[in-house]
C-alpha atoms as a PDB file:
ATOM      1  CA  MET A   1      86.967 106.461 104.445  1.00  0.00           C
ATOM      2  CA  PHE A   2      90.715 107.695 104.248  1.00  0.00           C
ATOM      3  CA  LEU A   3      89.831 111.184 105.101  1.00  0.00           C
ATOM      4  CA  ARG A   4      87.540 110.146 107.783  1.00  0.00           C
ATOM      5  CA  LEU A   5      90.351 107.995 109.517  1.00  0.00           C
ATOM      6  CA  LEU A   6      92.884 110.779 108.773  1.00  0.00           C
ATOM      7  CA  ARG A   7      90.637 113.058 110.758  1.00  0.00           C
ATOM      8  CA  GLN A   8      90.323 110.664 113.667  1.00  0.00           C
ATOM      9  CA  GLU A   9      94.109 110.097 113.762  1.00  0.00           C
ATOM     10  CA  PRO A  10      96.197 112.659 111.775  1.00  0.00           C
ATOM     11  CA  GLU A  11      99.498 111.494 113.355  1.00  0.00           C
ATOM     12  CA  LYS A  12      99.017 108.320 111.508  1.00  0.00           C
ATOM     13  CA  PHE A  13      99.081 110.294 107.943  1.00  0.00           C
ATOM     14  CA  ILE A  14     102.048 108.174 106.435  1.00  0.00           C
ATOM     15  CA  ALA A  15     100.752 104.809 107.639  1.00  0.00           C
ATOM     16  CA  ARG A  16      97.337 105.679 106.175  1.00  0.00           C
ATOM     17  CA  ALA A  17      98.612 106.895 102.861  1.00  0.00           C
ATOM     18  CA  ARG A  18     100.784 103.920 102.362  1.00  0.00           C
ATOM     19  CA  ARG A  19      97.817 101.637 103.169  1.00  0.00           C
ATOM     20  CA  ILE A  20      95.400 103.452 100.847  1.00  0.00           C
ATOM     21  CA  ALA A  21      98.112 103.468  98.017  1.00  0.00           C
ATOM     22  CA  GLY A  22      98.595  99.695  98.435  1.00  0.00           C
ATOM     23  CA  SER A  23      95.152  98.915  98.784  1.00  0.00           C
ATOM     24  CA  MET A  24      94.351 100.701  95.233  1.00  0.00           C
ATOM     25  CA  ILE A  25      97.203  98.956  93.658  1.00  0.00           C
ATOM     26  CA  LEU A  26      96.332  95.623  94.903  1.00  0.00           C
ATOM     27  CA  ASP A  27      92.787  96.084  94.133  1.00  0.00           C
ATOM     28  CA  SER A  28      93.153  97.370  90.703  1.00  0.00           C
ATOM     29  CA  SER A  29      95.898  95.039  89.608  1.00  0.00           C
ATOM     30  CA  TYR A  30      94.875  91.734  91.326  1.00  0.00           C
ATOM     31  CA  GLY A  31      91.439  92.302  92.731  1.00  0.00           C
ATOM     32  CA  TRP A  32      92.703  91.950  96.366  1.00  0.00           C
ATOM     33  CA  ASN A  33      90.688  93.857  98.971  1.00  0.00           C
ATOM     34  CA  VAL A  34      92.639  94.858 101.962  1.00  0.00           C
ATOM     35  CA  LYS A  35      90.962  93.865 105.109  1.00  0.00           C
ATOM     36  CA  GLY A  36      92.818  95.925 107.761  1.00  0.00           C
ATOM     37  CA  GLU A  37      95.619  97.819 108.965  1.00  0.00           C
ATOM     38  CA  ASP A  38      98.027  94.842 108.976  1.00  0.00           C
ATOM     39  CA  ASP A  39      97.314  93.172 105.644  1.00  0.00           C
ATOM     40  CA  TYR A  40     100.284  90.667 104.609  1.00  0.00           C
ATOM     41  CA  LEU A  41     100.548  91.977 101.083  1.00  0.00           C
ATOM     42  CA  VAL A  42     100.526  95.572 101.897  1.00  0.00           C
ATOM     43  CA  SER A  43     103.378  95.128 104.423  1.00  0.00           C
ATOM     44  CA  LEU A  44     104.951  92.707 101.744  1.00  0.00           C
ATOM     45  CA  MET A  45     104.936  95.468  99.332  1.00  0.00           C
ATOM     46  CA  GLN A  46     106.203  98.148 101.769  1.00  0.00           C
ATOM     47  CA  LYS A  47     109.125  95.684 102.517  1.00  0.00           C
ATOM     48  CA  SER A  48     109.899  95.380  98.996  1.00  0.00           C
ATOM     49  CA  PHE A  49     109.926  99.061  98.257  1.00  0.00           C
ATOM     50  CA  GLU A  50     112.380  99.280 101.214  1.00  0.00           C
ATOM     51  CA  LEU A  51     114.730  96.787  99.879  1.00  0.00           C
ATOM     52  CA  HIS A  52     114.509  98.319  96.338  1.00  0.00           C
ATOM     53  CA  ALA A  53     115.467 101.765  97.777  1.00  0.00           C
ATOM     54  CA  GLU A  54     118.243 100.395  99.708  1.00  0.00           C
ATOM     55  CA  SER A  55     119.787  98.527  96.538  1.00  0.00           C
ATOM     56  CA  LEU A  56     119.646 101.956  94.615  1.00  0.00           C
ATOM     57  CA  LYS A  57     121.971 103.704  97.194  1.00  0.00           C
ATOM     58  CA  PRO A  58     125.240 105.016  95.569  1.00  0.00           C
ATOM     59  CA  GLY A  59     128.101 102.869  96.207  1.00  0.00           C
ATOM     60  CA  ARG A  60     126.036  99.816  96.677  1.00  0.00           C
ATOM     61  CA  TRP A  61     127.067  97.739  93.724  1.00  0.00           C
ATOM     62  CA  LEU A  62     130.680  96.821  92.831  1.00  0.00           C
ATOM     63  CA  VAL A  63     130.568  98.616  89.417  1.00  0.00           C
ATOM     64  CA  ASP A  64     130.211 101.945  91.365  1.00  0.00           C
ATOM     65  CA  THR A  65     133.708 101.096  93.069  1.00  0.00           C
ATOM     66  CA  PHE A  66     135.211  99.680  89.768  1.00  0.00           C
ATOM     67  CA  PRO A  67     133.431 101.334  86.675  1.00  0.00           C
ATOM     68  CA  ILE A  68     135.736  99.373  84.521  1.00  0.00           C
ATOM     69  CA  ILE A  69     133.877  96.236  85.137  1.00  0.00           C
ATOM     70  CA  ARG A  70     130.812  97.473  83.388  1.00  0.00           C
ATOM     71  CA  PHE A  71     132.311  96.507  80.106  1.00  0.00           C
ATOM     72  CA  ILE A  72     133.004  92.958  81.068  1.00  0.00           C
ATOM     73  CA  PRO A  73     130.421  90.779  79.051  1.00  0.00           C
ATOM     74  CA  ILE A  74     127.912  88.853  81.240  1.00  0.00           C
END
C-alpha cells in the first residue's frame, strides 16, 4: 500500500513515510488502526516530536547559559 501510494504521488514522500511509521507504532503498541491521512493520533505524535526536537536545541535551557546551576540540588 505504501509503495502504491508513493508511486501515485511521489512528491508526498515525507508525509507518507511519517504516516506509515506512525501507523506501525500505533498499531504495534496500542492496536490503533490509522484510518486516513489526517488521523488525530498520528498528527498528535508528529506535534509531540516537533516540540521535543525544539526543546533539545542548544541554549534552550537555563543550565546551558549558566552551567553552575546544574550543581544545585532539586
